[in-house]
Amino acid sequence: MALTGEKQDFSRRLREALKQAEAPAQGAAAIAREFNLRYEGRPVTAQAVGKWLGGRALPSQDKIRALSAWLEVTPHWLRFGDGEGKPVPVLRQPAAAYRVEPQWLARKYEALSEPHKKIVFEILIALLKLEGKR
């Protein structure tokens, strides 16, 4: 199969996985934002995501792994598909999606602008007050 066909097939599977996962993100910019929240590497641009969705580019394998974890499909299915053409769900514990490594959270916080850091801080204080733990 030509590389162009592989890119288009990947694009179709990505759009299908986004739909099945009921991802709140719509549009390349929103998908890029949601992806970057979950990806530890260099952030992707809306243009890159647009190329993925349009069948003009394939993401690197580490990005495919991040996409598959987010969309709860196997990396193999997302990249190559299977004979039936249906997403292969990843088996995971439901609570796993809410567990965050402190180092990951610290890196994401440090990447924020100062005004956004202030917003996060204020939200955290408000939540702690609601929980009675301040």
Protein backbone atom coordinates (compact mmCIF):
# COMPACT_ATOMS: atom_id res chain seq x y z
CA MET A 1 0.00 0.00 0.00
CA ALA A 2 1.35 3.44 -0.87
CA LEU A 3 2.26 5.78 1.97
CA THR A 4 -0.52 8.14 0.88
CA GLY A 5 -3.05 5.36 1.39
CA GLU A 6 -1.60 4.60 4.83
CA LYS A 7 -1.95 8.25 5.82
CA GLN A 8 -5.57 8.33 4.66
CA ASP A 9 -6.37 5.06 6.46
CA PHE A 10 -4.77 6.39 9.64
CA SER A 11 -6.81 9.58 9.32
CA ARG A 12 -10.04 7.59 9.02
CA ARG A 13 -9.17 5.48 12.09
CA LEU A 14 -8.20 8.57 14.10
CA ARG A 15 -11.49 10.30 13.30
CA GLU A 16 -13.38 7.09 14.16
CA ALA A 17 -11.53 6.74 17.48
CA LEU A 18 -12.21 10.40 18.35
CA LYS A 19 -15.90 9.86 17.63
CA GLN A 20 -16.09 6.56 19.59
CA ALA A 21 -14.26 8.09 22.54
CA GLU A 22 -16.73 10.97 22.48
CA ALA A 23 -13.75 13.29 22.69
CA PRO A 24 -14.95 16.77 23.60
CA ALA A 25 -12.37 18.23 21.25
CA GLN A 26 -13.61 19.24 17.82
CA GLY A 27 -11.35 20.76 15.24
CA ALA A 28 -7.60 20.55 14.89
CA ALA A 29 -6.82 23.28 17.45
CA ALA A 30 -9.01 21.72 20.15
CA ILE A 31 -7.65 18.23 19.45
CA ALA A 32 -4.08 19.55 19.60
CA ARG A 33 -4.83 21.19 22.96
CA GLU A 34 -6.34 17.99 24.39
CA PHE A 35 -3.49 15.88 22.99
CA ASN A 36 -0.81 18.19 24.42
CA LEU A 37 -2.35 17.88 27.89
CA ARG A 38 -1.65 14.15 27.71
CA TYR A 39 1.65 14.10 25.82
CA GLU A 40 5.01 14.46 27.57
CA GLY A 41 7.02 15.44 24.50
CA ARG A 42 7.18 18.58 22.45
CA PRO A 43 3.63 19.93 21.90
CA VAL A 44 2.00 19.43 18.53
CA THR A 45 0.46 22.27 16.55
CA ALA A 46 -3.04 22.52 15.18
CA GLN A 47 -1.47 22.36 11.72
CA ALA A 48 0.12 18.98 12.51
CA VAL A 49 -3.19 17.62 13.80
CA GLY A 50 -4.89 19.01 10.71
CA LYS A 51 -2.47 17.00 8.58
CA TRP A 52 -3.24 13.85 10.61
CA LEU A 53 -6.98 14.40 10.19
CA GLY A 54 -6.63 15.25 6.51
CA GLY A 55 -4.56 12.18 5.66
CA ARG A 56 -1.48 14.22 4.76
CA ALA A 57 0.86 13.08 7.56
CA LEU A 58 1.44 10.30 10.07
CA PRO A 59 2.41 11.06 13.67
CA SER A 60 5.53 9.51 15.15
CA GLN A 61 5.14 6.28 17.09
CA ASP A 62 5.35 8.01 20.49
CA LYS A 63 2.50 10.29 19.46
CA ILE A 64 0.49 7.30 18.23
CA ARG A 65 0.96 5.71 21.66
CA ALA A 66 -0.25 8.91 23.36
CA LEU A 67 -3.24 9.16 21.02
CA SER A 68 -4.14 5.52 21.60
CA ALA A 69 -3.95 5.90 25.38
CA TRP A 70 -6.17 8.99 25.23
CA LEU A 71 -8.69 7.41 22.85
CA GLU A 72 -8.50 3.98 24.51
CA VAL A 73 -7.62 1.98 21.41
CA THR A 74 -4.52 -0.06 20.76
CA PRO A 75 -1.58 1.67 19.08
CA HIS A 76 -1.45 -1.11 16.49
CA TRP A 77 -5.07 -0.62 15.48
CA LEU A 78 -4.67 3.16 15.30
CA ARG A 79 -1.59 2.95 13.08
CA PHE A 80 -2.35 -0.13 10.98
CA GLY A 81 -5.97 -1.13 11.60
CA ASP A 82 -7.10 -4.75 11.57
CA GLY A 83 -9.11 -7.03 9.32
CA GLU A 84 -12.48 -5.96 10.67
CA GLY A 85 -11.81 -2.24 10.67
CA LYS A 86 -13.18 -1.79 14.18
CA PRO A 87 -11.34 -0.07 17.05
CA VAL A 88 -9.70 -2.47 19.45
CA PRO A 89 -10.30 -1.11 22.96
CA VAL A 90 -7.53 -0.98 25.51
CA LEU A 91 -8.37 -2.77 28.73
CA ARG A 92 -7.70 -0.47 31.64
CA GLN A 93 -8.90 0.29 35.11
CA PRO A 94 -11.49 3.09 35.08
CA ALA A 95 -9.68 5.07 37.78
CA ALA A 96 -6.40 4.98 35.86
CA ALA A 97 -7.43 7.99 33.80
CA TYR A 98 -7.45 10.15 36.93
CA ARG A 99 -4.06 9.14 38.30
CA VAL A 100 -1.36 11.68 37.54
CA GLU A 101 2.31 11.44 38.33
CA PRO A 102 3.41 14.46 40.41
CA GLN A 103 6.43 15.04 38.15
CA TRP A 104 4.18 15.18 35.07
CA LEU A 105 1.84 17.62 36.78
CA ALA A 106 4.76 19.81 37.90
CA ARG A 107 6.16 19.94 34.35
CA LYS A 108 2.78 20.88 32.91
CA TYR A 109 2.30 23.57 35.56
CA GLU A 110 5.76 25.03 34.89
CA ALA A 111 4.95 25.22 31.17
CA LEU A 112 2.00 27.53 31.87
CA SER A 113 2.17 31.31 31.57
CA GLU A 114 2.20 33.28 34.83
CA PRO A 115 -1.46 34.36 34.51
CA HIS A 116 -2.50 30.74 33.94
CA LYS A 117 -0.41 29.57 36.90
CA LYS A 118 -2.31 32.08 39.04
CA ILE A 119 -5.65 30.70 37.80
CA VAL A 120 -4.60 27.12 38.60
CA PHE A 121 -3.46 28.20 42.06
CA GLU A 122 -6.75 30.00 42.75
CA ILE A 123 -8.78 26.99 41.58
CA LEU A 124 -6.74 24.68 43.80
CA ILE A 125 -7.26 26.92 46.84
CA ALA A 126 -11.01 27.10 46.15
CA LEU A 127 -11.25 23.30 45.84
CA LEU A 128 -9.29 22.78 49.04
CA LYS A 129 -11.61 25.19 50.86
CA LEU A 130 -14.62 23.23 49.60
CA GLU A 131 -13.03 20.03 50.89
CA GLY A 132 -12.21 21.71 54.21
CA LYS A 133 -8.52 20.88 53.85
CA ARG A 134 -6.87 24.27 53.77
